[in-house]
Amino acid sequence: MNTEIDEFELERQRALAFQREQAKKQQEEDDLPLPDLPPLPADPRWRVAHLPFLSAVSFALLMCAASAGFFAGGAPAALGAAAGVLIVTVSFTMSTLVIAWADTVRPALLMPLALFTYVLKYSALGVVLAFGVSAQWPGKNALGWGIVAGVVVWTAVQAWWFHKVSRPN
């Protein structure tokens, strides 16, 4: 029995020595300098080059939505449709700017900030729609349709833009 205890103690000491050796190696590796980051592109404006065009399309959609809302349900519907398009335009522009900023400052921040921005954006849209559905405001249906139109048009125009830019003529 005493032999088993001695063997156990010997094995425990070997394991502790191995752990100390590994910790020492890890400490030596931790003292190395950080690797160089890849260079940033010469002109980072390409990340937001589509925003002026998308903003112009969104403004045109806002005018069309307000006009259609006015003809369909008067001033409250016009305001609701325009507000829906404006909410989408502001939220999509915000997420584009945050993602472009993160990519220029530290590409490792891109995924967490993009996910945070999308969660924030769609939570805000959900809150707006939840309050809009429960309200007795006559423009609530137009607000929902404005949001839908804004999302569809923004997404389609952005996809078209990047497809056009990525294909050489």
N, C-alpha and C. Protein backbone atom coordinates (compact mmCIF):
# COMPACT_ATOMS: atom_id res chain seq x y z
N MET A 1 0.83 -1.19 0.00
CA MET A 1 0.00 0.00 0.00
C MET A 1 0.87 1.25 0.00
N ASN A 2 1.94 1.21 0.77
CA ASN A 2 2.85 2.32 0.84
C ASN A 2 3.50 2.58 -0.52
N THR A 3 3.74 1.51 -1.27
CA THR A 3 4.34 1.63 -2.59
C THR A 3 3.39 2.36 -3.53
N GLU A 4 2.10 2.07 -3.44
CA GLU A 4 1.11 2.74 -4.29
C GLU A 4 1.08 4.23 -4.00
N ILE A 5 1.16 4.60 -2.76
CA ILE A 5 1.15 6.01 -2.38
C ILE A 5 2.40 6.69 -2.90
N ASP A 6 3.54 6.03 -2.79
CA ASP A 6 4.78 6.60 -3.30
C ASP A 6 4.73 6.77 -4.82
N GLU A 7 4.18 5.78 -5.51
CA GLU A 7 4.05 5.88 -6.97
C GLU A 7 3.08 7.01 -7.35
N PHE A 8 2.01 7.09 -6.60
CA PHE A 8 1.04 8.16 -6.85
C PHE A 8 1.68 9.53 -6.64
N GLU A 9 2.44 9.66 -5.55
CA GLU A 9 3.10 10.93 -5.25
C GLU A 9 4.15 11.25 -6.32
N LEU A 10 4.87 10.25 -6.77
CA LEU A 10 5.86 10.45 -7.82
C LEU A 10 5.20 10.91 -9.12
N GLU A 11 4.09 10.28 -9.45
CA GLU A 11 3.35 10.67 -10.67
C GLU A 11 2.79 12.09 -10.54
N ARG A 12 2.31 12.43 -9.37
CA ARG A 12 1.79 13.78 -9.13
C ARG A 12 2.90 14.81 -9.29
N GLN A 13 4.09 14.51 -8.79
CA GLN A 13 5.21 15.44 -8.91
C GLN A 13 5.65 15.59 -10.37
N ARG A 14 5.63 14.48 -11.11
CA ARG A 14 5.95 14.54 -12.54
C ARG A 14 4.93 15.42 -13.28
N ALA A 15 3.66 15.26 -12.93
CA ALA A 15 2.62 16.07 -13.57
C ALA A 15 2.79 17.54 -13.24
N LEU A 16 3.11 17.86 -12.00
CA LEU A 16 3.35 19.25 -11.61
C LEU A 16 4.55 19.83 -12.34
N ALA A 17 5.61 19.04 -12.47
CA ALA A 17 6.80 19.51 -13.20
C ALA A 17 6.45 19.77 -14.67
N PHE A 18 5.67 18.87 -15.24
CA PHE A 18 5.24 19.06 -16.63
C PHE A 18 4.40 20.33 -16.77
N GLN A 19 3.49 20.56 -15.84
CA GLN A 19 2.67 21.76 -15.89
C GLN A 19 3.51 23.02 -15.73
N ARG A 20 4.50 23.00 -14.85
CA ARG A 20 5.39 24.16 -14.70
C ARG A 20 6.16 24.42 -15.99
N GLU A 21 6.62 23.36 -16.63
CA GLU A 21 7.36 23.49 -17.89
C GLU A 21 6.47 24.08 -18.98
N GLN A 22 5.24 23.60 -19.05
CA GLN A 22 4.30 24.13 -20.05
C GLN A 22 3.98 25.60 -19.76
N ALA A 23 3.82 25.95 -18.50
CA ALA A 23 3.53 27.34 -18.13
C ALA A 23 4.70 28.23 -18.49
N LYS A 24 5.92 27.73 -18.29
CA LYS A 24 7.11 28.51 -18.65
C LYS A 24 7.18 28.73 -20.15
N LYS A 25 6.89 27.69 -20.94
CA LYS A 25 6.87 27.84 -22.41
C LYS A 25 5.79 28.84 -22.83
N GLN A 26 4.63 28.74 -22.20
CA GLN A 26 3.53 29.67 -22.53
C GLN A 26 3.93 31.10 -22.20
N GLN A 27 4.61 31.30 -21.08
CA GLN A 27 5.06 32.63 -20.68
C GLN A 27 6.05 33.18 -21.70
N GLU A 28 6.94 32.33 -22.20
CA GLU A 28 7.90 32.76 -23.21
C GLU A 28 7.20 33.14 -24.50
N GLU A 29 6.18 32.38 -24.88
CA GLU A 29 5.43 32.69 -26.10
C GLU A 29 4.62 33.96 -25.94
N ASP A 30 4.13 34.23 -24.72
CA ASP A 30 3.34 35.44 -24.49
C ASP A 30 4.18 36.71 -24.59
N ASP A 31 5.48 36.58 -24.41
CA ASP A 31 6.34 37.75 -24.47
C ASP A 31 6.69 38.16 -25.91
N LEU A 32 6.30 37.35 -26.88
CA LEU A 32 6.58 37.69 -28.27
C LEU A 32 5.74 38.89 -28.69
N PRO A 33 6.23 39.71 -29.63
CA PRO A 33 5.42 40.85 -30.09
C PRO A 33 4.22 40.36 -30.90
N LEU A 34 3.20 41.19 -30.93
CA LEU A 34 2.01 40.85 -31.71
C LEU A 34 2.33 40.86 -33.19
N PRO A 35 1.68 40.02 -33.97
CA PRO A 35 1.94 40.03 -35.42
C PRO A 35 1.44 41.33 -36.04
N ASP A 36 2.06 41.70 -37.14
CA ASP A 36 1.64 42.90 -37.85
C ASP A 36 0.27 42.68 -38.47
N LEU A 37 -0.55 43.71 -38.42
CA LEU A 37 -1.86 43.65 -39.04
C LEU A 37 -1.70 43.87 -40.54
N PRO A 38 -2.60 43.31 -41.34
CA PRO A 38 -2.50 43.56 -42.78
C PRO A 38 -2.72 45.04 -43.06
N PRO A 39 -2.10 45.56 -44.09
CA PRO A 39 -2.26 46.99 -44.37
C PRO A 39 -3.69 47.31 -44.78
N LEU A 40 -4.12 48.49 -44.42
CA LEU A 40 -5.45 48.94 -44.81
C LEU A 40 -5.42 49.32 -46.29
N PRO A 41 -6.55 49.24 -46.96
CA PRO A 41 -6.56 49.64 -48.36
C PRO A 41 -6.22 51.12 -48.50
N ALA A 42 -5.69 51.47 -49.65
CA ALA A 42 -5.26 52.85 -49.87
C ALA A 42 -6.44 53.81 -49.79
N ASP A 43 -7.57 53.42 -50.32
CA ASP A 43 -8.74 54.29 -50.31
C ASP A 43 -9.92 53.54 -49.71
N PRO A 44 -10.23 53.75 -48.42
CA PRO A 44 -11.32 53.00 -47.79
C PRO A 44 -12.71 53.51 -48.14
N ARG A 45 -12.80 54.52 -48.99
CA ARG A 45 -14.13 55.08 -49.31
C ARG A 45 -15.00 54.12 -50.11
N TRP A 46 -14.43 53.07 -50.68
CA TRP A 46 -15.23 52.14 -51.46
C TRP A 46 -16.31 51.48 -50.61
N ARG A 47 -16.09 51.43 -49.28
CA ARG A 47 -17.06 50.78 -48.40
C ARG A 47 -18.38 51.55 -48.32
N VAL A 48 -18.32 52.85 -48.58
CA VAL A 48 -19.53 53.67 -48.49
C VAL A 48 -19.83 54.38 -49.81
N ALA A 49 -19.21 53.93 -50.88
CA ALA A 49 -19.41 54.59 -52.18
C ALA A 49 -20.85 54.48 -52.67
N HIS A 50 -21.55 53.46 -52.22
CA HIS A 50 -22.93 53.26 -52.67
C HIS A 50 -23.95 54.12 -51.91
N LEU A 51 -23.55 54.72 -50.80
CA LEU A 51 -24.51 55.46 -49.98
C LEU A 51 -25.15 56.67 -50.68
N PRO A 52 -24.42 57.48 -51.44
CA PRO A 52 -25.10 58.60 -52.11
C PRO A 52 -26.19 58.13 -53.08
N PHE A 53 -25.88 57.10 -53.84
CA PHE A 53 -26.89 56.60 -54.78
C PHE A 53 -28.08 55.99 -54.04
N LEU A 54 -27.80 55.20 -53.02
CA LEU A 54 -28.89 54.60 -52.25
C LEU A 54 -29.71 55.65 -51.51
N SER A 55 -29.07 56.71 -51.07
CA SER A 55 -29.81 57.79 -50.41
C SER A 55 -30.73 58.49 -51.40
N ALA A 56 -30.26 58.70 -52.62
CA ALA A 56 -31.10 59.33 -53.64
C ALA A 56 -32.29 58.44 -53.99
N VAL A 57 -32.04 57.15 -54.13
CA VAL A 57 -33.15 56.22 -54.41
C VAL A 57 -34.13 56.20 -53.25
N SER A 58 -33.61 56.21 -52.02
CA SER A 58 -34.49 56.21 -50.84
C SER A 58 -35.31 57.49 -50.76
N PHE A 59 -34.71 58.61 -51.12
CA PHE A 59 -35.46 59.87 -51.11
C PHE A 59 -36.57 59.83 -52.16
N ALA A 60 -36.27 59.29 -53.34
CA ALA A 60 -37.30 59.15 -54.37
C ALA A 60 -38.41 58.21 -53.90
N LEU A 61 -38.03 57.11 -53.25
CA LEU A 61 -39.02 56.18 -52.71
C LEU A 61 -39.85 56.85 -51.62
N LEU A 62 -39.22 57.66 -50.79
CA LEU A 62 -39.94 58.38 -49.74
C LEU A 62 -41.01 59.28 -50.36
N MET A 63 -40.64 60.00 -51.41
CA MET A 63 -41.62 60.87 -52.09
C MET A 63 -42.75 60.07 -52.72
N CYS A 64 -42.40 58.95 -53.35
CA CYS A 64 -43.43 58.10 -53.97
C CYS A 64 -44.34 57.49 -52.90
N ALA A 65 -43.74 57.03 -51.80
CA ALA A 65 -44.53 56.43 -50.73
C ALA A 65 -45.46 57.46 -50.10
N ALA A 66 -44.95 58.67 -49.88
CA ALA A 66 -45.79 59.73 -49.31
C ALA A 66 -46.94 60.07 -50.25
N SER A 67 -46.66 60.14 -51.53
CA SER A 67 -47.71 60.44 -52.52
C SER A 67 -48.76 59.33 -52.55
N ALA A 68 -48.29 58.09 -52.62
CA ALA A 68 -49.22 56.96 -52.64
C ALA A 68 -50.04 56.90 -51.35
N GLY A 69 -49.39 57.15 -50.22
CA GLY A 69 -50.10 57.17 -48.95
C GLY A 69 -51.13 58.26 -48.89
N PHE A 70 -50.81 59.44 -49.44
CA PHE A 70 -51.76 60.54 -49.43
C PHE A 70 -52.99 60.21 -50.28
N PHE A 71 -52.75 59.63 -51.45
CA PHE A 71 -53.89 59.28 -52.31
C PHE A 71 -54.71 58.13 -51.74
N ALA A 72 -54.07 57.24 -50.99
CA ALA A 72 -54.79 56.09 -50.45
C ALA A 72 -55.51 56.40 -49.14
N GLY A 73 -54.93 57.28 -48.30
CA GLY A 73 -55.55 57.48 -46.99
C GLY A 73 -55.37 58.85 -46.40
N GLY A 74 -55.00 59.82 -47.19
CA GLY A 74 -54.88 61.17 -46.68
C GLY A 74 -53.53 61.44 -46.02
N ALA A 75 -53.50 62.52 -45.27
CA ALA A 75 -52.25 62.98 -44.66
C ALA A 75 -51.66 61.99 -43.66
N PRO A 76 -52.46 61.32 -42.79
CA PRO A 76 -51.84 60.36 -41.86
C PRO A 76 -51.16 59.19 -42.58
N ALA A 77 -51.75 58.71 -43.65
CA ALA A 77 -51.14 57.62 -44.41
C ALA A 77 -49.88 58.10 -45.12
N ALA A 78 -49.90 59.33 -45.62
CA ALA A 78 -48.71 59.87 -46.27
C ALA A 78 -47.57 59.98 -45.27
N LEU A 79 -47.88 60.48 -44.08
CA LEU A 79 -46.86 60.59 -43.04
C LEU A 79 -46.35 59.21 -42.62
N GLY A 80 -47.25 58.25 -42.49
CA GLY A 80 -46.86 56.89 -42.10
C GLY A 80 -45.95 56.23 -43.13
N ALA A 81 -46.33 56.34 -44.41
CA ALA A 81 -45.51 55.73 -45.46
C ALA A 81 -44.13 56.38 -45.54
N ALA A 82 -44.11 57.70 -45.46
CA ALA A 82 -42.83 58.41 -45.50
C ALA A 82 -41.98 58.05 -44.28
N ALA A 83 -42.59 57.96 -43.11
CA ALA A 83 -41.85 57.61 -41.90
C ALA A 83 -41.29 56.20 -41.99
N GLY A 84 -42.05 55.28 -42.57
CA GLY A 84 -41.56 53.91 -42.74
C GLY A 84 -40.31 53.85 -43.60
N VAL A 85 -40.34 54.55 -44.73
CA VAL A 85 -39.17 54.58 -45.61
C VAL A 85 -38.00 55.28 -44.92
N LEU A 86 -38.28 56.35 -44.20
CA LEU A 86 -37.22 57.09 -43.51
C LEU A 86 -36.57 56.24 -42.41
N ILE A 87 -37.37 55.49 -41.68
CA ILE A 87 -36.83 54.62 -40.63
C ILE A 87 -35.86 53.60 -41.22
N VAL A 88 -36.26 52.99 -42.32
CA VAL A 88 -35.39 51.99 -42.97
C VAL A 88 -34.13 52.64 -43.51
N THR A 89 -34.27 53.80 -44.13
CA THR A 89 -33.10 54.49 -44.69
C THR A 89 -32.10 54.84 -43.61
N VAL A 90 -32.58 55.38 -42.51
CA VAL A 90 -31.68 55.76 -41.42
C VAL A 90 -31.02 54.52 -40.81
N SER A 91 -31.78 53.47 -40.58
CA SER A 91 -31.21 52.28 -39.93
C SER A 91 -30.21 51.57 -40.84
N PHE A 92 -30.50 51.47 -42.13
CA PHE A 92 -29.56 50.82 -43.05
C PHE A 92 -28.31 51.67 -43.24
N THR A 93 -28.47 52.98 -43.28
CA THR A 93 -27.30 53.85 -43.41
C THR A 93 -26.43 53.74 -42.16
N MET A 94 -27.06 53.71 -40.99
CA MET A 94 -26.31 53.57 -39.74
C MET A 94 -25.51 52.27 -39.74
N SER A 95 -26.13 51.16 -40.10
CA SER A 95 -25.39 49.89 -40.08
C SER A 95 -24.27 49.89 -41.11
N THR A 96 -24.47 50.50 -42.26
CA THR A 96 -23.41 50.58 -43.26
C THR A 96 -22.23 51.38 -42.74
N LEU A 97 -22.51 52.51 -42.09
CA LEU A 97 -21.43 53.35 -41.56
C LEU A 97 -20.67 52.66 -40.42
N VAL A 98 -21.39 51.97 -39.55
CA VAL A 98 -20.74 51.27 -38.44
C VAL A 98 -19.85 50.15 -38.98
N ILE A 99 -20.34 49.40 -39.94
CA ILE A 99 -19.55 48.31 -40.51
C ILE A 99 -18.33 48.85 -41.25
N ALA A 100 -18.51 49.93 -42.00
CA ALA A 100 -17.38 50.52 -42.71
C ALA A 100 -16.34 51.05 -41.73
N TRP A 101 -16.80 51.68 -40.65
CA TRP A 101 -15.87 52.19 -39.65
C TRP A 101 -15.09 51.04 -39.00
N ALA A 102 -15.80 49.99 -38.62
CA ALA A 102 -15.13 48.86 -37.97
C ALA A 102 -14.11 48.21 -38.90
N ASP A 103 -14.44 48.12 -40.16
CA ASP A 103 -13.52 47.50 -41.11
C ASP A 103 -12.27 48.33 -41.31
N THR A 104 -12.39 49.65 -41.21
CA THR A 104 -11.21 50.50 -41.37
C THR A 104 -10.38 50.54 -40.10
N VAL A 105 -11.01 50.56 -38.95
CA VAL A 105 -10.28 50.70 -37.70
C VAL A 105 -9.65 49.38 -37.27
N ARG A 106 -10.45 48.34 -37.21
CA ARG A 106 -9.96 47.04 -36.76
C ARG A 106 -10.86 45.96 -37.35
N PRO A 107 -10.40 45.27 -38.39
CA PRO A 107 -11.24 44.26 -39.03
C PRO A 107 -11.74 43.17 -38.09
N ALA A 108 -11.04 42.93 -36.99
CA ALA A 108 -11.51 41.92 -36.04
C ALA A 108 -12.81 42.35 -35.35
N LEU A 109 -13.09 43.65 -35.35
CA LEU A 109 -14.34 44.15 -34.74
C LEU A 109 -15.53 44.01 -35.67
N LEU A 110 -15.28 43.67 -36.91
CA LEU A 110 -16.34 43.69 -37.92
C LEU A 110 -17.52 42.80 -37.56
N MET A 111 -17.27 41.54 -37.26
CA MET A 111 -18.38 40.62 -36.98
C MET A 111 -19.15 41.00 -35.72
N PRO A 112 -18.50 41.26 -34.58
CA PRO A 112 -19.29 41.61 -33.40
C PRO A 112 -20.08 42.90 -33.57
N LEU A 113 -19.47 43.91 -34.18
CA LEU A 113 -20.19 45.17 -34.36
C LEU A 113 -21.30 45.03 -35.39
N ALA A 114 -21.07 44.26 -36.44
CA ALA A 114 -22.13 44.05 -37.42
C ALA A 114 -23.32 43.33 -36.79
N LEU A 115 -23.05 42.29 -36.02
CA LEU A 115 -24.14 41.57 -35.36
C LEU A 115 -24.87 42.47 -34.36
N PHE A 116 -24.12 43.25 -33.59
CA PHE A 116 -24.75 44.16 -32.64
C PHE A 116 -25.61 45.18 -33.37
N THR A 117 -25.11 45.72 -34.47
CA THR A 117 -25.87 46.71 -35.23
C THR A 117 -27.13 46.11 -35.81
N TYR A 118 -27.03 44.89 -36.35
CA TYR A 118 -28.22 44.26 -36.91
C TYR A 118 -29.25 43.94 -35.83
N VAL A 119 -28.79 43.46 -34.68
CA VAL A 119 -29.73 43.19 -33.59
C VAL A 119 -30.41 44.48 -33.15
N LEU A 120 -29.62 45.54 -33.00
CA LEU A 120 -30.17 46.83 -32.61
C LEU A 120 -31.17 47.34 -33.65
N LYS A 121 -30.79 47.25 -34.91
CA LYS A 121 -31.64 47.76 -35.99
C LYS A 121 -32.97 47.01 -36.06
N TYR A 122 -32.90 45.69 -36.07
CA TYR A 122 -34.15 44.93 -36.19
C TYR A 122 -34.97 44.95 -34.91
N SER A 123 -34.33 45.15 -33.78
CA SER A 123 -35.09 45.34 -32.54
C SER A 123 -35.86 46.66 -32.59
N ALA A 124 -35.18 47.71 -33.07
CA ALA A 124 -35.86 49.00 -33.20
C ALA A 124 -37.01 48.91 -34.19
N LEU A 125 -36.79 48.23 -35.32
CA LEU A 125 -37.89 48.06 -36.28
C LEU A 125 -39.03 47.27 -35.66
N GLY A 126 -38.70 46.24 -34.87
CA GLY A 126 -39.73 45.45 -34.21
C GLY A 126 -40.53 46.27 -33.21
N VAL A 127 -39.84 47.13 -32.46
CA VAL A 127 -40.53 47.99 -31.48
C VAL A 127 -41.45 48.97 -32.21
N VAL A 128 -40.95 49.57 -33.28
CA VAL A 128 -41.77 50.51 -34.06
C VAL A 128 -43.01 49.80 -34.60
N LEU A 129 -42.82 48.62 -35.16
CA LEU A 129 -43.97 47.88 -35.70
C LEU A 129 -44.92 47.43 -34.59
N ALA A 130 -44.39 47.02 -33.44
CA ALA A 130 -45.25 46.59 -32.35
C ALA A 130 -46.11 47.75 -31.85
N PHE A 131 -45.50 48.93 -31.67
CA PHE A 131 -46.28 50.08 -31.26
C PHE A 131 -47.23 50.54 -32.37
N GLY A 132 -46.77 50.41 -33.61
CA GLY A 132 -47.62 50.80 -34.73
C GLY A 132 -48.87 49.95 -34.84
N VAL A 133 -48.74 48.65 -34.59
CA VAL A 133 -49.89 47.74 -34.69
C VAL A 133 -50.89 48.01 -33.57
N SER A 134 -50.37 48.32 -32.38
CA SER A 134 -51.28 48.52 -31.25
C SER A 134 -51.87 49.92 -31.20
N ALA A 135 -51.36 50.83 -32.00
CA ALA A 135 -51.87 52.21 -31.97
C ALA A 135 -53.17 52.34 -32.76
N GLN A 136 -53.90 53.36 -32.46
CA GLN A 136 -55.15 53.65 -33.17
C GLN A 136 -54.93 54.70 -34.25
N TRP A 137 -53.70 54.93 -34.60
CA TRP A 137 -53.33 55.93 -35.59
C TRP A 137 -53.73 55.47 -36.98
N PRO A 138 -54.37 56.31 -37.78
CA PRO A 138 -54.82 55.87 -39.12
C PRO A 138 -53.68 55.61 -40.11
N GLY A 139 -52.46 56.04 -39.80
CA GLY A 139 -51.36 55.82 -40.73
C GLY A 139 -50.52 54.59 -40.43
N LYS A 140 -51.01 53.73 -39.51
CA LYS A 140 -50.20 52.59 -39.11
C LYS A 140 -50.00 51.56 -40.23
N ASN A 141 -51.00 51.34 -41.05
CA ASN A 141 -50.84 50.39 -42.17
C ASN A 141 -49.83 50.94 -43.18
N ALA A 142 -49.92 52.23 -43.43
CA ALA A 142 -48.98 52.85 -44.37
C ALA A 142 -47.56 52.82 -43.83
N LEU A 143 -47.41 52.96 -42.51
CA LEU A 143 -46.09 52.85 -41.89
C LEU A 143 -45.49 51.47 -42.16
N GLY A 144 -46.27 50.44 -41.95
CA GLY A 144 -45.80 49.07 -42.22
C GLY A 144 -45.43 48.86 -43.67
N TRP A 145 -46.28 49.36 -44.57
CA TRP A 145 -45.97 49.22 -46.00
C TRP A 145 -44.75 50.05 -46.39
N GLY A 146 -44.57 51.19 -45.76
CA GLY A 146 -43.37 51.99 -46.02
C GLY A 146 -42.11 51.28 -45.59
N ILE A 147 -42.17 50.61 -44.43
CA ILE A 147 -41.02 49.84 -43.97
C ILE A 147 -40.72 48.69 -44.92
N VAL A 148 -41.75 47.98 -45.33
CA VAL A 148 -41.55 46.86 -46.26
C VAL A 148 -40.97 47.37 -47.58
N ALA A 149 -41.53 48.45 -48.11
CA ALA A 149 -41.03 49.00 -49.38
C ALA A 149 -39.59 49.47 -49.23
N GLY A 150 -39.26 50.11 -48.13
CA GLY A 150 -37.90 50.57 -47.90
C GLY A 150 -36.90 49.43 -47.84
N VAL A 151 -37.25 48.37 -47.13
CA VAL A 151 -36.34 47.22 -47.02
C VAL A 151 -36.15 46.56 -48.37
N VAL A 152 -37.23 46.34 -49.10
CA VAL A 152 -37.14 45.66 -50.40
C VAL A 152 -36.34 46.50 -51.39
N VAL A 153 -36.65 47.78 -51.48
CA VAL A 153 -35.96 48.64 -52.45
C VAL A 153 -34.49 48.82 -52.07
N TRP A 154 -34.21 49.09 -50.81
CA TRP A 154 -32.81 49.28 -50.40
C TRP A 154 -32.00 48.02 -50.70
N THR A 155 -32.53 46.86 -50.32
CA THR A 155 -31.81 45.61 -50.54
C THR A 155 -31.60 45.34 -52.02
N ALA A 156 -32.63 45.55 -52.82
CA ALA A 156 -32.51 45.30 -54.26
C ALA A 156 -31.51 46.26 -54.91
N VAL A 157 -31.57 47.53 -54.57
CA VAL A 157 -30.67 48.50 -55.18
C VAL A 157 -29.23 48.26 -54.72
N GLN A 158 -29.03 47.89 -53.45
CA GLN A 158 -27.69 47.61 -52.98
C GLN A 158 -27.13 46.36 -53.67
N ALA A 159 -27.94 45.34 -53.84
CA ALA A 159 -27.48 44.14 -54.55
C ALA A 159 -27.14 44.48 -56.00
N TRP A 160 -27.99 45.27 -56.65
CA TRP A 160 -27.71 45.69 -58.02
C TRP A 160 -26.41 46.48 -58.09
N TRP A 161 -26.22 47.41 -57.15
CA TRP A 161 -25.02 48.26 -57.14
C TRP A 161 -23.75 47.41 -57.04
N PHE A 162 -23.72 46.49 -56.07
CA PHE A 162 -22.51 45.69 -55.89
C PHE A 162 -22.30 44.72 -57.05
N HIS A 163 -23.37 44.23 -57.63
CA HIS A 163 -23.25 43.37 -58.81
C HIS A 163 -22.66 44.17 -59.97
N LYS A 164 -23.14 45.37 -60.16
CA LYS A 164 -22.65 46.23 -61.25
C LYS A 164 -21.19 46.62 -61.02
N VAL A 165 -20.83 46.93 -59.78
CA VAL A 165 -19.47 47.36 -59.48
C VAL A 165 -18.48 46.18 -59.59
N SER A 166 -18.91 45.00 -59.18
CA SER A 166 -17.99 43.86 -59.13
C SER A 166 -17.74 43.23 -60.50
N ARG A 167 -18.57 43.53 -61.46
CA ARG A 167 -18.39 42.95 -62.81
C ARG A 167 -17.61 43.92 -63.69
N PRO A 168 -16.49 43.47 -64.23
CA PRO A 168 -15.75 44.36 -65.14
C PRO A 168 -16.51 44.50 -66.46
N ASN A 169 -16.43 45.70 -67.04
CA ASN A 169 -17.14 45.94 -68.31
C ASN A 169 -16.43 45.35 -69.48
